[in-house]
Amino acid sequence: METRNKSALGAVIGGALLAGGLGVGPAIAAPPEPYTDTRYAECPGDLDVRIDAVGKGKFFEVPGLDQVIAISPNTTVTITDTGDESNSVTYKANGAFHIEFLENETVVRATGVNVLTTEDPGVFLTRGNVTFVNDATGEKVRFEGPGKVTDICAILAN
């Protein structure tokens, strides 16, 4: 895998809450590694959130292709309003990300249950199949799919 793709991988998975201390390597029999990760994100309006993820995760390179699969079994994600610590939601996010590095964009197919952030202010819970595409600069160009998307920022704003 080329260096530019490892940088893109960090940006994509960072946005998807799976970067916490996990390395990229070939698929091997070792189990997913425990990790904890805390990130901050902006929501529309004046709402800022802290995102705490605790669980297990692993990256698998797809041999012969410029692709990576990231899994996060047994992961709990808590999103907290930084202005009101009593205002939070918690989800089990046990999905997978299938990441394909193309010449001018990165395509991420999220399957299962995932929490992700986007370049635009926002934090979302996705269930099912959702695809998002970032261009070479990391900017989101598409966010679509038949899966269910829940706006976590809207939940915390109420």
N, C-alpha and C. Protein backbone atom coordinates (compact mmCIF):
# COMPACT_ATOMS: atom_id res chain seq x y z
N MET A 1 0.85 -1.17 0.00
CA MET A 1 0.00 0.00 0.00
C MET A 1 0.89 1.23 0.00
N GLU A 2 0.58 2.22 -0.79
CA GLU A 2 1.39 3.42 -0.90
C GLU A 2 1.17 4.35 0.28
N THR A 3 2.17 5.20 0.55
CA THR A 3 2.09 6.13 1.67
C THR A 3 0.88 7.04 1.57
N ARG A 4 0.57 7.55 0.38
CA ARG A 4 -0.57 8.46 0.25
C ARG A 4 -1.85 7.78 0.71
N ASN A 5 -1.95 6.49 0.49
CA ASN A 5 -3.15 5.78 0.89
C ASN A 5 -3.22 5.58 2.39
N LYS A 6 -2.08 5.39 3.04
CA LYS A 6 -2.09 5.27 4.49
C LYS A 6 -2.53 6.59 5.11
N SER A 7 -2.13 7.71 4.50
CA SER A 7 -2.59 9.02 4.99
C SER A 7 -4.08 9.15 4.80
N ALA A 8 -4.58 8.77 3.63
CA ALA A 8 -6.02 8.82 3.38
C ALA A 8 -6.76 7.90 4.33
N LEU A 9 -6.17 6.73 4.59
CA LEU A 9 -6.80 5.78 5.51
C LEU A 9 -6.97 6.42 6.88
N GLY A 10 -5.95 7.10 7.37
CA GLY A 10 -6.05 7.76 8.67
C GLY A 10 -7.17 8.76 8.71
N ALA A 11 -7.32 9.54 7.64
CA ALA A 11 -8.38 10.54 7.59
C ALA A 11 -9.75 9.89 7.54
N VAL A 12 -9.89 8.87 6.72
CA VAL A 12 -11.19 8.21 6.58
C VAL A 12 -11.57 7.50 7.87
N ILE A 13 -10.68 6.70 8.39
CA ILE A 13 -11.03 5.94 9.59
C ILE A 13 -11.10 6.85 10.80
N GLY A 14 -10.27 7.87 10.83
CA GLY A 14 -10.37 8.84 11.91
C GLY A 14 -11.78 9.40 11.97
N GLY A 15 -12.33 9.73 10.82
CA GLY A 15 -13.70 10.22 10.76
C GLY A 15 -14.70 9.18 11.15
N ALA A 16 -14.33 7.94 11.04
CA ALA A 16 -15.22 6.84 11.36
C ALA A 16 -14.98 6.26 12.74
N LEU A 17 -14.08 6.87 13.51
CA LEU A 17 -13.82 6.50 14.89
C LEU A 17 -13.08 5.19 15.08
N LEU A 18 -12.30 4.77 14.12
CA LEU A 18 -11.62 3.50 14.30
C LEU A 18 -10.11 3.62 14.30
N ALA A 19 -9.56 4.80 14.32
CA ALA A 19 -8.11 4.94 14.18
C ALA A 19 -7.35 4.64 15.46
N GLY A 20 -8.02 4.56 16.57
CA GLY A 20 -7.36 4.46 17.86
C GLY A 20 -6.32 3.37 18.01
N GLY A 21 -5.09 3.65 17.62
CA GLY A 21 -3.97 2.77 17.88
C GLY A 21 -3.91 1.51 17.04
N LEU A 22 -4.64 1.42 15.98
CA LEU A 22 -4.64 0.21 15.18
C LEU A 22 -3.72 0.36 13.99
N GLY A 23 -2.95 -0.66 13.70
CA GLY A 23 -2.07 -0.62 12.54
C GLY A 23 -2.72 -1.25 11.34
N VAL A 24 -2.17 -0.94 10.18
CA VAL A 24 -2.65 -1.55 8.94
C VAL A 24 -1.66 -2.64 8.58
N GLY A 25 -2.16 -3.81 8.32
CA GLY A 25 -1.28 -4.90 7.95
C GLY A 25 -2.05 -5.95 7.19
N PRO A 26 -1.35 -6.97 6.71
CA PRO A 26 -2.04 -8.03 5.98
C PRO A 26 -2.97 -8.81 6.89
N ALA A 27 -3.96 -9.43 6.30
CA ALA A 27 -4.90 -10.23 7.07
C ALA A 27 -4.16 -11.40 7.70
N ILE A 28 -4.23 -11.50 9.02
CA ILE A 28 -3.63 -12.62 9.74
C ILE A 28 -4.63 -13.11 10.76
N ALA A 29 -4.31 -14.22 11.38
CA ALA A 29 -5.26 -14.87 12.28
C ALA A 29 -5.40 -14.19 13.64
N ALA A 30 -4.57 -13.21 13.95
CA ALA A 30 -4.64 -12.56 15.26
C ALA A 30 -6.00 -11.90 15.45
N PRO A 31 -6.51 -11.93 16.68
CA PRO A 31 -7.82 -11.31 16.94
C PRO A 31 -7.73 -9.78 16.93
N PRO A 32 -8.88 -9.12 16.87
CA PRO A 32 -8.89 -7.65 16.97
C PRO A 32 -8.25 -7.19 18.28
N GLU A 33 -7.62 -6.02 18.24
CA GLU A 33 -6.92 -5.45 19.39
C GLU A 33 -7.83 -4.50 20.17
N PRO A 34 -7.74 -4.50 21.50
CA PRO A 34 -8.50 -3.53 22.30
C PRO A 34 -8.01 -2.10 22.02
N TYR A 35 -8.90 -1.15 22.07
CA TYR A 35 -8.52 0.25 21.91
C TYR A 35 -9.52 1.16 22.60
N THR A 36 -9.05 2.36 22.92
CA THR A 36 -9.92 3.45 23.37
C THR A 36 -9.55 4.66 22.53
N ASP A 37 -10.51 5.50 22.23
CA ASP A 37 -10.27 6.65 21.39
C ASP A 37 -11.22 7.76 21.81
N THR A 38 -10.71 8.97 21.95
CA THR A 38 -11.54 10.14 22.23
C THR A 38 -11.28 11.16 21.15
N ARG A 39 -12.36 11.69 20.58
CA ARG A 39 -12.28 12.71 19.53
C ARG A 39 -13.33 13.78 19.82
N TYR A 40 -13.15 14.90 19.19
CA TYR A 40 -14.11 15.99 19.32
C TYR A 40 -14.65 16.32 17.94
N ALA A 41 -15.92 16.69 17.88
CA ALA A 41 -16.54 17.02 16.60
C ALA A 41 -17.50 18.19 16.78
N GLU A 42 -17.76 18.86 15.69
CA GLU A 42 -18.72 19.95 15.68
C GLU A 42 -20.04 19.46 15.12
N CYS A 43 -21.10 19.96 15.70
CA CYS A 43 -22.44 19.74 15.18
C CYS A 43 -22.94 21.07 14.63
N PRO A 44 -23.96 21.05 13.77
CA PRO A 44 -24.52 22.32 13.31
C PRO A 44 -24.97 23.18 14.50
N GLY A 45 -24.88 24.48 14.35
CA GLY A 45 -25.23 25.38 15.45
C GLY A 45 -24.05 25.50 16.40
N ASP A 46 -24.33 25.66 17.66
CA ASP A 46 -23.27 25.87 18.65
C ASP A 46 -22.95 24.61 19.45
N LEU A 47 -23.34 23.46 18.98
CA LEU A 47 -23.15 22.22 19.73
C LEU A 47 -21.82 21.56 19.35
N ASP A 48 -20.96 21.35 20.36
CA ASP A 48 -19.73 20.60 20.19
C ASP A 48 -19.85 19.33 21.00
N VAL A 49 -19.29 18.23 20.49
CA VAL A 49 -19.42 16.94 21.17
C VAL A 49 -18.07 16.27 21.35
N ARG A 50 -18.01 15.43 22.39
CA ARG A 50 -16.88 14.55 22.60
C ARG A 50 -17.35 13.14 22.26
N ILE A 51 -16.53 12.41 21.55
CA ILE A 51 -16.87 11.06 21.12
C ILE A 51 -15.87 10.10 21.74
N ASP A 52 -16.35 9.22 22.62
CA ASP A 52 -15.50 8.24 23.29
C ASP A 52 -15.85 6.85 22.76
N ALA A 53 -14.85 6.17 22.21
CA ALA A 53 -15.04 4.81 21.70
C ALA A 53 -14.16 3.86 22.49
N VAL A 54 -14.74 2.74 22.92
CA VAL A 54 -14.01 1.70 23.65
C VAL A 54 -14.42 0.37 23.04
N GLY A 55 -13.45 -0.43 22.67
CA GLY A 55 -13.79 -1.73 22.11
C GLY A 55 -12.59 -2.42 21.53
N LYS A 56 -12.81 -3.09 20.43
CA LYS A 56 -11.76 -3.81 19.72
C LYS A 56 -11.82 -3.41 18.25
N GLY A 57 -10.69 -3.52 17.58
CA GLY A 57 -10.67 -3.18 16.17
C GLY A 57 -9.49 -3.81 15.46
N LYS A 58 -9.63 -3.88 14.14
CA LYS A 58 -8.56 -4.44 13.33
C LYS A 58 -8.73 -4.00 11.89
N PHE A 59 -7.59 -3.77 11.23
CA PHE A 59 -7.56 -3.47 9.80
C PHE A 59 -7.00 -4.67 9.05
N PHE A 60 -7.58 -4.96 7.89
CA PHE A 60 -7.08 -6.02 7.02
C PHE A 60 -6.83 -5.42 5.64
N GLU A 61 -5.62 -5.59 5.12
CA GLU A 61 -5.37 -5.22 3.74
C GLU A 61 -5.95 -6.32 2.86
N VAL A 62 -6.52 -5.95 1.72
CA VAL A 62 -7.03 -6.92 0.77
C VAL A 62 -5.89 -7.22 -0.21
N PRO A 63 -5.34 -8.43 -0.19
CA PRO A 63 -4.18 -8.74 -1.04
C PRO A 63 -4.47 -8.47 -2.52
N GLY A 64 -3.51 -7.79 -3.16
CA GLY A 64 -3.61 -7.52 -4.59
C GLY A 64 -4.48 -6.33 -4.95
N LEU A 65 -5.15 -5.72 -3.99
CA LEU A 65 -6.02 -4.58 -4.26
C LEU A 65 -5.63 -3.42 -3.37
N ASP A 66 -6.02 -2.23 -3.75
CA ASP A 66 -5.76 -1.05 -2.93
C ASP A 66 -6.97 -0.84 -2.02
N GLN A 67 -7.22 -1.83 -1.15
CA GLN A 67 -8.38 -1.81 -0.28
C GLN A 67 -8.00 -2.27 1.13
N VAL A 68 -8.79 -1.79 2.08
CA VAL A 68 -8.63 -2.17 3.48
C VAL A 68 -10.02 -2.42 4.04
N ILE A 69 -10.12 -3.39 4.93
CA ILE A 69 -11.36 -3.62 5.67
C ILE A 69 -11.04 -3.34 7.13
N ALA A 70 -11.89 -2.55 7.78
CA ALA A 70 -11.72 -2.24 9.20
C ALA A 70 -12.93 -2.78 9.94
N ILE A 71 -12.68 -3.51 11.01
CA ILE A 71 -13.78 -4.06 11.81
C ILE A 71 -13.69 -3.52 13.23
N SER A 72 -14.83 -3.50 13.92
CA SER A 72 -14.86 -3.00 15.30
C SER A 72 -15.83 -3.81 16.15
N PRO A 73 -15.51 -5.09 16.39
CA PRO A 73 -16.42 -5.87 17.22
C PRO A 73 -16.42 -5.40 18.67
N ASN A 74 -17.55 -5.52 19.31
CA ASN A 74 -17.69 -5.20 20.73
C ASN A 74 -17.22 -3.78 21.07
N THR A 75 -17.64 -2.80 20.27
CA THR A 75 -17.25 -1.41 20.50
C THR A 75 -18.46 -0.61 20.97
N THR A 76 -18.25 0.19 22.01
CA THR A 76 -19.27 1.08 22.54
C THR A 76 -18.82 2.51 22.28
N VAL A 77 -19.72 3.33 21.75
CA VAL A 77 -19.40 4.72 21.44
C VAL A 77 -20.38 5.61 22.20
N THR A 78 -19.83 6.55 22.97
CA THR A 78 -20.64 7.53 23.70
C THR A 78 -20.36 8.90 23.15
N ILE A 79 -21.41 9.62 22.79
CA ILE A 79 -21.31 10.98 22.26
C ILE A 79 -21.91 11.91 23.31
N THR A 80 -21.10 12.89 23.77
CA THR A 80 -21.49 13.76 24.87
C THR A 80 -21.43 15.22 24.44
N ASP A 81 -22.45 15.98 24.78
CA ASP A 81 -22.48 17.42 24.58
C ASP A 81 -21.43 18.03 25.51
N THR A 82 -20.41 18.70 24.97
CA THR A 82 -19.35 19.25 25.82
C THR A 82 -19.85 20.40 26.68
N GLY A 83 -20.96 21.01 26.32
CA GLY A 83 -21.54 22.10 27.11
C GLY A 83 -22.45 21.62 28.22
N ASP A 84 -22.85 20.34 28.18
CA ASP A 84 -23.74 19.76 29.19
C ASP A 84 -23.41 18.27 29.28
N GLU A 85 -22.49 17.91 30.15
CA GLU A 85 -21.99 16.53 30.26
C GLU A 85 -23.11 15.52 30.56
N SER A 86 -24.24 15.98 31.07
CA SER A 86 -25.35 15.06 31.36
C SER A 86 -26.14 14.70 30.10
N ASN A 87 -25.86 15.38 29.01
CA ASN A 87 -26.55 15.17 27.74
C ASN A 87 -25.68 14.29 26.84
N SER A 88 -25.98 12.98 26.82
CA SER A 88 -25.17 12.07 26.02
C SER A 88 -26.02 10.90 25.53
N VAL A 89 -25.50 10.22 24.51
CA VAL A 89 -26.12 8.99 24.00
C VAL A 89 -25.01 7.97 23.81
N THR A 90 -25.38 6.69 23.94
CA THR A 90 -24.41 5.61 23.80
C THR A 90 -24.96 4.57 22.83
N TYR A 91 -24.08 4.08 21.96
CA TYR A 91 -24.47 3.08 20.96
C TYR A 91 -23.42 1.97 20.92
N LYS A 92 -23.86 0.77 20.57
CA LYS A 92 -22.96 -0.31 20.20
C LYS A 92 -22.69 -0.13 18.71
N ALA A 93 -21.44 0.01 18.34
CA ALA A 93 -21.06 0.21 16.94
C ALA A 93 -20.16 -0.94 16.53
N ASN A 94 -20.75 -1.98 16.03
CA ASN A 94 -20.02 -3.21 15.72
C ASN A 94 -19.91 -3.48 14.23
N GLY A 95 -19.90 -2.43 13.44
CA GLY A 95 -19.89 -2.58 11.99
C GLY A 95 -18.51 -2.75 11.40
N ALA A 96 -18.47 -2.65 10.09
CA ALA A 96 -17.22 -2.76 9.33
C ALA A 96 -17.18 -1.68 8.27
N PHE A 97 -15.98 -1.31 7.89
CA PHE A 97 -15.75 -0.36 6.81
C PHE A 97 -14.93 -1.05 5.73
N HIS A 98 -15.41 -0.99 4.50
CA HIS A 98 -14.70 -1.53 3.34
C HIS A 98 -14.19 -0.31 2.58
N ILE A 99 -12.89 -0.08 2.61
CA ILE A 99 -12.30 1.16 2.12
C ILE A 99 -11.52 0.88 0.85
N GLU A 100 -11.88 1.58 -0.21
CA GLU A 100 -11.21 1.42 -1.50
C GLU A 100 -10.55 2.74 -1.89
N PHE A 101 -9.26 2.69 -2.17
CA PHE A 101 -8.50 3.88 -2.55
C PHE A 101 -8.39 3.94 -4.06
N LEU A 102 -9.09 4.90 -4.65
CA LEU A 102 -9.04 5.10 -6.09
C LEU A 102 -8.11 6.28 -6.38
N GLU A 103 -7.87 6.55 -7.64
CA GLU A 103 -6.91 7.59 -8.00
C GLU A 103 -7.27 8.96 -7.43
N ASN A 104 -8.54 9.36 -7.51
CA ASN A 104 -8.94 10.71 -7.08
C ASN A 104 -9.96 10.73 -5.96
N GLU A 105 -10.25 9.57 -5.38
CA GLU A 105 -11.21 9.55 -4.29
C GLU A 105 -11.05 8.29 -3.45
N THR A 106 -11.61 8.35 -2.26
CA THR A 106 -11.64 7.20 -1.36
C THR A 106 -13.10 6.84 -1.14
N VAL A 107 -13.44 5.59 -1.41
CA VAL A 107 -14.82 5.11 -1.27
C VAL A 107 -14.89 4.22 -0.04
N VAL A 108 -15.80 4.55 0.87
CA VAL A 108 -15.97 3.78 2.09
C VAL A 108 -17.40 3.24 2.13
N ARG A 109 -17.51 1.92 2.17
CA ARG A 109 -18.81 1.27 2.33
C ARG A 109 -18.90 0.80 3.77
N ALA A 110 -19.79 1.41 4.52
CA ALA A 110 -20.01 1.04 5.92
C ALA A 110 -21.14 0.02 5.97
N THR A 111 -20.90 -1.07 6.68
CA THR A 111 -21.93 -2.09 6.85
C THR A 111 -22.13 -2.33 8.34
N GLY A 112 -23.32 -2.75 8.71
CA GLY A 112 -23.61 -2.98 10.12
C GLY A 112 -23.95 -1.68 10.81
N VAL A 113 -23.61 -1.58 12.10
CA VAL A 113 -23.91 -0.38 12.90
C VAL A 113 -22.60 0.37 13.13
N ASN A 114 -22.58 1.65 12.73
CA ASN A 114 -21.37 2.47 12.82
C ASN A 114 -21.72 3.88 13.28
N VAL A 115 -20.78 4.52 13.96
CA VAL A 115 -20.88 5.95 14.26
C VAL A 115 -19.80 6.62 13.44
N LEU A 116 -20.17 7.68 12.71
CA LEU A 116 -19.18 8.37 11.91
C LEU A 116 -19.42 9.86 11.91
N THR A 117 -18.34 10.57 11.64
CA THR A 117 -18.41 12.02 11.49
C THR A 117 -18.18 12.34 10.03
N THR A 118 -18.57 13.53 9.64
CA THR A 118 -18.33 13.96 8.27
C THR A 118 -17.59 15.29 8.28
N GLU A 119 -17.04 15.65 7.14
CA GLU A 119 -16.33 16.92 7.00
C GLU A 119 -17.26 18.08 7.32
N ASP A 120 -18.50 17.99 6.86
CA ASP A 120 -19.50 18.97 7.27
C ASP A 120 -19.76 18.71 8.75
N PRO A 121 -20.12 19.72 9.52
CA PRO A 121 -20.41 19.42 10.92
C PRO A 121 -21.49 18.35 11.03
N GLY A 122 -21.23 17.35 11.83
CA GLY A 122 -22.23 16.33 12.04
C GLY A 122 -21.66 15.02 12.53
N VAL A 123 -22.47 14.28 13.30
CA VAL A 123 -22.13 12.95 13.80
C VAL A 123 -23.36 12.09 13.54
N PHE A 124 -23.15 10.90 12.96
CA PHE A 124 -24.26 10.07 12.51
C PHE A 124 -24.11 8.63 12.97
N LEU A 125 -25.24 8.01 13.27
CA LEU A 125 -25.32 6.58 13.50
C LEU A 125 -25.85 5.98 12.21
N THR A 126 -25.13 5.01 11.64
CA THR A 126 -25.62 4.36 10.43
C THR A 126 -25.87 2.89 10.74
N ARG A 127 -26.96 2.40 10.16
CA ARG A 127 -27.32 0.98 10.28
C ARG A 127 -27.58 0.45 8.88
N GLY A 128 -26.93 -0.68 8.57
CA GLY A 128 -27.10 -1.24 7.23
C GLY A 128 -25.96 -0.79 6.33
N ASN A 129 -26.26 -0.63 5.05
CA ASN A 129 -25.25 -0.29 4.06
C ASN A 129 -25.32 1.19 3.71
N VAL A 130 -24.22 1.89 3.97
CA VAL A 130 -24.10 3.31 3.66
C VAL A 130 -22.75 3.52 2.99
N THR A 131 -22.71 4.31 1.94
CA THR A 131 -21.47 4.60 1.25
C THR A 131 -21.18 6.08 1.35
N PHE A 132 -19.93 6.41 1.65
CA PHE A 132 -19.52 7.80 1.56
C PHE A 132 -18.22 7.88 0.79
N VAL A 133 -18.08 8.95 0.04
CA VAL A 133 -16.95 9.14 -0.86
C VAL A 133 -16.29 10.46 -0.54
N ASN A 134 -14.96 10.43 -0.36
CA ASN A 134 -14.17 11.64 -0.16
C ASN A 134 -13.28 11.83 -1.38
N ASP A 135 -13.12 13.10 -1.81
CA ASP A 135 -12.21 13.35 -2.92
C ASP A 135 -10.77 13.34 -2.42
N ALA A 136 -9.82 13.63 -3.30
CA ALA A 136 -8.39 13.55 -2.96
C ALA A 136 -8.00 14.50 -1.83
N THR A 137 -8.78 15.56 -1.60
CA THR A 137 -8.47 16.51 -0.52
C THR A 137 -9.12 16.10 0.79
N GLY A 138 -9.92 15.03 0.79
CA GLY A 138 -10.60 14.58 2.00
C GLY A 138 -12.00 15.13 2.15
N GLU A 139 -12.45 15.95 1.19
CA GLU A 139 -13.79 16.53 1.27
C GLU A 139 -14.84 15.51 0.83
N LYS A 140 -15.93 15.45 1.58
CA LYS A 140 -17.02 14.53 1.26
C LYS A 140 -17.70 14.97 -0.04
N VAL A 141 -17.86 14.04 -0.96
CA VAL A 141 -18.57 14.34 -2.21
C VAL A 141 -19.87 13.56 -2.34
N ARG A 142 -20.01 12.47 -1.57
CA ARG A 142 -21.25 11.69 -1.59
C ARG A 142 -21.44 11.01 -0.25
N PHE A 143 -22.69 10.88 0.16
CA PHE A 143 -23.07 10.17 1.38
C PHE A 143 -24.43 9.58 1.07
N GLU A 144 -24.49 8.26 0.80
CA GLU A 144 -25.73 7.68 0.29
C GLU A 144 -25.83 6.20 0.65
N GLY A 145 -26.98 5.62 0.37
CA GLY A 145 -27.17 4.19 0.53
C GLY A 145 -28.52 3.86 1.11
N PRO A 146 -28.86 2.57 1.07
CA PRO A 146 -30.18 2.15 1.56
C PRO A 146 -30.25 2.02 3.09
N GLY A 147 -29.11 2.15 3.77
CA GLY A 147 -29.11 2.01 5.22
C GLY A 147 -29.82 3.17 5.90
N LYS A 148 -30.07 2.99 7.19
CA LYS A 148 -30.74 4.03 7.99
C LYS A 148 -29.66 4.93 8.61
N VAL A 149 -29.85 6.25 8.49
CA VAL A 149 -28.92 7.22 9.05
C VAL A 149 -29.66 8.05 10.11
N THR A 150 -29.09 8.09 11.31
CA THR A 150 -29.66 8.88 12.40
C THR A 150 -28.71 10.03 12.72
N ASP A 151 -29.24 11.24 12.76
CA ASP A 151 -28.45 12.42 13.07
C ASP A 151 -28.31 12.55 14.59
N ILE A 152 -27.14 12.19 15.11
CA ILE A 152 -26.92 12.21 16.55
C ILE A 152 -26.92 13.65 17.07
N CYS A 153 -26.42 14.57 16.27
CA CYS A 153 -26.42 15.99 16.70
C CYS A 153 -27.84 16.48 16.96
N ALA A 154 -28.78 16.09 16.09
CA ALA A 154 -30.17 16.51 16.28
C ALA A 154 -30.74 15.93 17.58
N ILE A 155 -30.37 14.71 17.91
CA ILE A 155 -30.84 14.09 19.15
C ILE A 155 -30.31 14.87 20.36
N LEU A 156 -29.02 15.20 20.34
CA LEU A 156 -28.42 15.91 21.47
C LEU A 156 -28.87 17.37 21.55
N ALA A 157 -29.28 17.96 20.44
CA ALA A 157 -29.72 19.36 20.42
C ALA A 157 -31.10 19.52 21.04
N ASN A 158 -31.88 18.45 21.13
CA ASN A 158 -33.24 18.54 21.68
C ASN A 158 -33.27 18.44 23.18
